[in-house]
């Protein structure tokens, strides 16, 4: 179970993923790999999986995905003829083969016509964000972009559908609803800060917080805990990244990479000055070295 989202204005987008799992899992440092037609991308790998749990390329196309939990009574009526792990290969194609979010979203929608298991993915570039839900052959794709007349220039989600029927009931998985409510509250605040959102423990050291800990696992919930986090910022020309692996934002500092596909300046312990570079939305300090 994860918390994913994006903040956007007319010049840049910040996207993020908080990765929560039950089993302690070894996460690997990101790799920069070659895609097609001059595309380069970051692969965020982990133990037991050949794909990537999030990523971004040199055109600023990023993705973050989340499992979608269904009602206990819901069963698929369309058979999925490809293995579950195929979705991770499709995620890689988002950042290895596409120069804009729209192209990647169209490709994923086609993939979900064949891969009919429940899934959620968020695809962004510097100008647009596409939220996709898919299950049982039904695919919903919604575009979000900057609107100067509103304060709703963000999108966050957790582990339940908003559009497709069959989402897990609140009483069967309070965590996904409580985390979404809290994330929306923080994202819609006067001065939103993605790092404050990702480190939030409003519900304490429990599986109900955005920064999750299984010290408190209420009856009916599963013992998920946060094991890795990634934040991407792009203006379409330059990409900055902050990430941590094998821990959570309350216990580990972020590694900050300025100009990922250019100067690649690495700061091992992200400080407040660096945080301002990728969280101050009115004047995002993305620049090449």
Protein backbone atom coordinates (compact mmCIF):
# COMPACT_ATOMS: atom_id res chain seq x y z
CA UNK A 1 0.00 0.00 0.00
CA UNK A 2 1.34 3.40 -0.95
CA UNK A 3 0.69 7.12 -1.01
CA UNK A 4 1.37 8.80 -4.36
CA UNK A 5 0.71 12.20 -5.87
CA UNK A 6 1.80 15.29 -7.75
CA UNK A 7 1.89 19.06 -7.33
CA UNK A 8 1.87 21.21 -10.46
CA UNK A 9 1.91 24.77 -11.76
CA UNK A 10 2.40 26.15 -15.25
CA UNK A 11 6.18 25.70 -15.15
CA UNK A 12 6.99 22.54 -13.23
CA UNK A 13 5.65 19.41 -11.57
CA UNK A 14 6.65 17.67 -8.35
CA UNK A 15 5.63 14.02 -8.12
CA UNK A 16 6.19 11.53 -5.31
CA UNK A 17 5.72 8.02 -4.04
CA UNK A 18 5.82 6.58 -0.53
CA UNK A 19 6.29 2.81 -0.74
CA UNK A 20 4.76 0.68 2.03
CA UNK A 21 5.13 -3.09 2.26
CA UNK A 22 4.49 -5.79 4.87
CA UNK A 23 7.61 -7.90 4.36
CA UNK A 24 10.98 -6.21 5.04
CA UNK A 25 12.41 -5.70 1.55
CA UNK A 26 15.82 -4.62 0.31
CA UNK A 27 15.59 -1.54 -1.91
CA UNK A 28 18.40 -0.68 -4.32
CA UNK A 29 19.91 2.71 -5.11
CA UNK A 30 18.51 4.14 -8.36
CA UNK A 31 20.25 3.38 -11.67
CA UNK A 32 20.35 5.55 -14.77
CA UNK A 33 19.65 3.45 -17.84
CA UNK A 34 19.17 4.02 -21.55
CA UNK A 35 15.73 3.85 -23.13
CA UNK A 36 14.91 4.38 -26.81
CA UNK A 37 15.54 7.39 -29.06
CA UNK A 38 17.84 9.21 -26.65
CA UNK A 39 15.69 8.68 -23.57
CA UNK A 40 17.49 8.07 -20.29
CA UNK A 41 15.63 7.07 -17.16
CA UNK A 42 16.04 6.22 -13.49
CA UNK A 43 15.17 2.73 -12.37
CA UNK A 44 14.26 2.27 -8.69
CA UNK A 45 14.61 -1.43 -8.06
CA UNK A 46 13.95 -3.65 -5.09
CA UNK A 47 14.55 -7.23 -4.00
CA UNK A 48 12.43 -9.84 -5.73
CA UNK A 49 11.32 -7.56 -8.57
CA UNK A 50 12.98 -6.86 -11.91
CA UNK A 51 10.93 -3.74 -12.57
CA UNK A 52 10.82 -0.28 -11.02
CA UNK A 53 8.53 0.94 -8.23
CA UNK A 54 8.71 4.54 -9.51
CA UNK A 55 10.92 6.55 -11.87
CA UNK A 56 11.48 9.53 -14.14
CA UNK A 57 13.28 10.17 -17.43
CA UNK A 58 15.28 13.01 -18.91
CA UNK A 59 12.16 14.49 -20.53
CA UNK A 60 10.57 14.80 -17.09
CA UNK A 61 8.08 11.95 -17.56
CA UNK A 62 7.54 10.22 -14.22
CA UNK A 63 5.29 7.53 -12.83
CA UNK A 64 4.17 6.32 -9.44
CA UNK A 65 1.79 3.43 -8.89
CA UNK A 66 -0.35 1.97 -6.12
CA UNK A 67 -2.14 -1.31 -5.53
CA UNK A 68 -5.92 -0.99 -5.55
CA UNK A 69 -7.79 -2.87 -2.87
CA UNK A 70 -11.26 -4.19 -3.68
CA UNK A 71 -14.33 -5.23 -1.73
CA UNK A 72 -14.16 -8.79 -0.49
CA UNK A 73 -17.22 -9.61 -2.58
CA UNK A 74 -15.76 -8.33 -5.86
CA UNK A 75 -14.39 -10.92 -8.26
CA UNK A 76 -13.10 -10.25 -11.79
CA UNK A 77 -15.19 -11.44 -14.71
CA UNK A 78 -12.47 -10.87 -17.31
CA UNK A 79 -9.58 -13.30 -17.29
CA UNK A 80 -6.07 -11.83 -17.21
CA UNK A 81 -3.86 -13.89 -19.49
CA UNK A 82 -0.56 -12.25 -18.57
CA UNK A 83 1.34 -12.56 -15.26
CA UNK A 84 1.01 -9.96 -12.52
CA UNK A 85 4.67 -9.01 -12.84
CA UNK A 86 4.01 -7.78 -16.39
CA UNK A 87 2.72 -4.51 -14.97
CA UNK A 88 6.22 -3.66 -13.72
CA UNK A 89 7.61 -4.06 -17.23
CA UNK A 90 4.87 -1.73 -18.44
CA UNK A 91 5.87 0.81 -15.79
CA UNK A 92 9.43 0.73 -17.11
CA UNK A 93 8.15 1.49 -20.62
CA UNK A 94 6.50 4.68 -19.34
CA UNK A 95 9.89 6.20 -18.64
CA UNK A 96 11.99 4.27 -21.17
CA UNK A 97 9.91 4.96 -24.26
CA UNK A 98 7.91 8.19 -23.85
CA UNK A 99 8.81 11.88 -24.10
CA UNK A 100 5.56 13.18 -22.61
CA UNK A 101 2.95 12.04 -20.11
CA UNK A 102 0.09 11.94 -22.61
CA UNK A 103 1.85 9.42 -24.84
CA UNK A 104 2.71 7.25 -21.84
CA UNK A 105 -0.86 7.42 -20.52
CA UNK A 106 -2.29 6.33 -23.88
CA UNK A 107 0.11 3.38 -23.94
CA UNK A 108 -0.80 2.32 -20.39
CA UNK A 109 -4.51 2.51 -21.16
CA UNK A 110 -3.94 0.08 -24.04
CA UNK A 111 -1.95 -2.20 -21.74
CA UNK A 112 -4.77 -2.27 -19.19
CA UNK A 113 -7.15 -3.65 -21.80
CA UNK A 114 -5.07 -6.84 -21.61
CA UNK A 115 -3.83 -6.61 -18.02
CA UNK A 116 -7.18 -6.69 -16.27
CA UNK A 117 -6.10 -6.86 -12.62
CA UNK A 118 -6.83 -3.88 -10.37
CA UNK A 119 -4.22 -1.13 -10.59
CA UNK A 120 -3.65 2.59 -10.10
CA UNK A 121 -0.92 4.66 -11.74
CA UNK A 122 -0.09 8.37 -11.88
CA UNK A 123 1.92 9.63 -14.87
CA UNK A 124 3.30 13.18 -14.99
CA UNK A 125 5.48 15.54 -16.95
CA UNK A 126 6.18 19.24 -16.40
CA UNK A 127 2.79 20.30 -17.76
CA UNK A 128 0.27 17.49 -17.17
CA UNK A 129 -0.60 14.65 -14.82
CA UNK A 130 -2.72 11.62 -15.77
CA UNK A 131 -4.45 9.52 -13.14
CA UNK A 132 -5.41 6.03 -14.34
CA UNK A 133 -7.58 3.40 -12.68
CA UNK A 134 -7.99 -0.01 -14.28
CA UNK A 135 -9.80 -3.22 -13.41
CA UNK A 136 -11.59 -6.02 -15.22
CA UNK A 137 -11.15 -4.36 -18.62
CA UNK A 138 -12.52 -0.99 -17.48
CA UNK A 139 -9.98 1.85 -17.77
CA UNK A 140 -10.49 5.41 -16.49
CA UNK A 141 -7.93 8.09 -17.36
CA UNK A 142 -8.26 11.65 -16.00
CA UNK A 143 -5.97 14.54 -16.91
CA UNK A 144 -4.94 17.15 -14.36
CA UNK A 145 -3.07 20.35 -15.19
CA UNK A 146 -2.42 23.75 -13.69
CA UNK A 147 -5.36 26.11 -13.24
CA UNK A 148 -4.45 29.58 -12.10
CA UNK A 149 -7.98 30.22 -10.88
CA UNK A 150 -8.05 27.45 -8.26
CA UNK A 151 -5.99 26.21 -5.32
CA UNK A 152 -6.45 22.59 -6.32
CA UNK A 153 -3.20 22.23 -8.26
CA UNK A 154 -2.33 18.88 -6.77
CA UNK A 155 -3.52 15.29 -6.86
CA UNK A 156 -2.94 12.57 -4.27
CA UNK A 157 -4.20 9.03 -3.92
CA UNK A 158 -3.73 5.93 -1.82
CA UNK A 159 -5.13 2.44 -2.42
CA UNK A 160 -8.75 2.66 -3.42
CA UNK A 161 -10.56 3.60 -6.62
CA UNK A 162 -12.38 6.91 -6.95
CA UNK A 163 -14.08 6.09 -10.28
CA UNK A 164 -14.36 2.35 -10.73
CA UNK A 165 -16.93 0.52 -8.59
CA UNK A 166 -15.72 -2.12 -6.19
CA UNK A 167 -13.25 -0.19 -4.01
CA UNK A 168 -12.58 -1.70 -0.59
CA UNK A 169 -15.05 -0.55 2.05
CA UNK A 170 -13.93 1.91 4.71
CA UNK A 171 -14.55 -0.58 7.50
CA UNK A 172 -12.40 -3.20 5.78
CA UNK A 173 -9.42 -0.90 5.19
CA UNK A 174 -9.53 2.36 7.11
CA UNK A 175 -5.89 3.09 6.34
CA UNK A 176 -6.37 3.90 2.67
CA UNK A 177 -9.20 6.34 3.43
CA UNK A 178 -7.56 8.00 6.44
CA UNK A 179 -4.22 8.44 4.66
CA UNK A 180 -5.94 9.96 1.64
CA UNK A 181 -7.96 12.35 3.80
CA UNK A 182 -4.85 13.48 5.64
CA UNK A 183 -2.76 13.79 2.46
CA UNK A 184 -5.46 15.91 0.79
CA UNK A 185 -5.60 18.15 3.83
CA UNK A 186 -1.83 18.71 3.79
CA UNK A 187 -1.60 19.07 0.01
CA UNK A 188 -4.37 21.67 -0.02
CA UNK A 189 -2.89 23.78 2.75
CA UNK A 190 -1.66 27.35 2.37
CA UNK A 191 2.02 26.39 2.09
CA UNK A 192 2.14 22.72 1.09
CA UNK A 193 5.42 20.90 1.60
CA UNK A 194 5.85 17.46 0.10
CA UNK A 195 8.40 16.41 2.73
CA UNK A 196 6.08 17.33 5.59
CA UNK A 197 3.34 15.33 3.90
CA UNK A 198 5.53 12.26 3.46
CA UNK A 199 6.81 12.36 7.05
CA UNK A 200 3.38 12.96 8.59
CA UNK A 201 2.45 10.81 11.60
CA UNK A 202 -0.93 12.27 12.44
CA UNK A 203 -2.06 8.82 13.61
CA UNK A 204 1.22 8.13 15.44
CA UNK A 205 3.36 5.05 14.92
CA UNK A 206 0.54 3.19 13.26
CA UNK A 207 -0.42 1.76 9.89
CA UNK A 208 -2.97 4.59 9.59
CA UNK A 209 -0.35 7.36 9.22
CA UNK A 210 1.10 8.51 5.88
CA UNK A 211 4.54 7.68 7.26
CA UNK A 212 3.53 4.21 8.34
CA UNK A 213 4.73 2.06 11.21
CA UNK A 214 3.28 -1.28 12.26
CA UNK A 215 3.89 -0.75 16.00
CA UNK A 216 0.17 -0.03 16.14
CA UNK A 217 -1.86 -2.26 13.84
CA UNK A 218 -5.56 -2.11 14.73
CA UNK A 219 -7.67 -5.22 14.28
CA UNK A 220 -8.66 -5.55 10.64
CA UNK A 221 -5.62 -3.68 9.31
CA UNK A 222 -2.49 -5.24 7.83
CA UNK A 223 1.03 -4.51 9.22
CA UNK A 224 2.38 -2.33 6.42
CA UNK A 225 5.28 0.02 7.08
CA UNK A 226 7.07 2.64 4.97
CA UNK A 227 10.29 1.32 3.45
CA UNK A 228 11.22 3.80 0.67
CA UNK A 229 10.29 7.24 -0.67
CA UNK A 230 11.03 9.19 -3.84
CA UNK A 231 10.32 12.78 -4.90
CA UNK A 232 10.85 14.12 -8.44
CA UNK A 233 10.82 17.72 -9.66
CA UNK A 234 11.01 18.79 -13.29
CA UNK A 235 10.50 21.82 -15.50
CA UNK A 236 10.72 19.67 -18.63
CA UNK A 237 14.40 20.37 -19.17
CA UNK A 238 16.01 19.51 -15.85
CA UNK A 239 15.15 16.84 -13.31
CA UNK A 240 15.88 16.96 -9.58
CA UNK A 241 15.28 14.01 -7.30
CA UNK A 242 15.22 13.28 -3.58
CA UNK A 243 14.90 9.75 -2.28
CA UNK A 244 15.51 7.47 0.66
CA UNK A 245 15.52 3.69 0.74
CA UNK A 246 15.33 1.05 3.46
CA UNK A 247 13.75 3.44 5.94
CA UNK A 248 11.21 6.22 6.21
CA UNK A 249 11.23 10.04 6.26
CA UNK A 250 11.04 10.09 10.06
CA UNK A 251 14.16 7.98 10.52
CA UNK A 252 16.40 8.64 7.50
CA UNK A 253 17.58 11.77 5.64
CA UNK A 254 16.93 12.08 1.93
CA UNK A 255 19.59 11.80 -0.74
CA UNK A 256 19.23 14.80 -3.06
CA UNK A 257 20.35 14.69 -6.71
CA UNK A 258 20.38 18.01 -8.52
CA UNK A 259 20.21 17.75 -12.32
CA UNK A 260 19.88 13.97 -12.39
CA UNK A 261 20.67 13.55 -16.09
CA UNK A 262 23.22 16.37 -16.35
CA UNK A 263 25.58 17.56 -13.63
CA UNK A 264 24.24 14.90 -11.24
CA UNK A 265 25.27 16.72 -8.05
CA UNK A 266 24.57 14.44 -5.08
CA UNK A 267 23.92 15.64 -1.52
CA UNK A 268 23.84 12.65 0.81
CA UNK A 269 21.96 14.38 3.60
CA UNK A 270 19.25 16.70 2.36
CA UNK A 271 19.19 19.91 4.40
CA UNK A 272 16.59 22.66 4.69
CA UNK A 273 18.18 24.74 1.92
CA UNK A 274 18.01 21.82 -0.50
CA UNK A 275 14.44 21.04 0.53
CA UNK A 276 13.41 24.56 -0.47
CA UNK A 277 14.77 23.91 -3.96
CA UNK A 278 12.10 21.35 -4.70
CA UNK A 279 9.20 22.32 -2.45
CA UNK A 280 8.79 26.08 -2.88
CA UNK A 281 6.14 26.11 -5.59
CA UNK A 282 6.22 29.81 -6.54
CA UNK A 283 9.86 29.77 -7.55
CA UNK A 284 11.08 26.23 -7.95
CA UNK A 285 14.86 26.33 -8.12
CA UNK A 286 15.52 23.80 -10.83
CA UNK A 287 18.66 24.62 -12.72
CA UNK A 288 21.57 22.93 -14.43
CA UNK A 289 24.99 23.05 -12.86
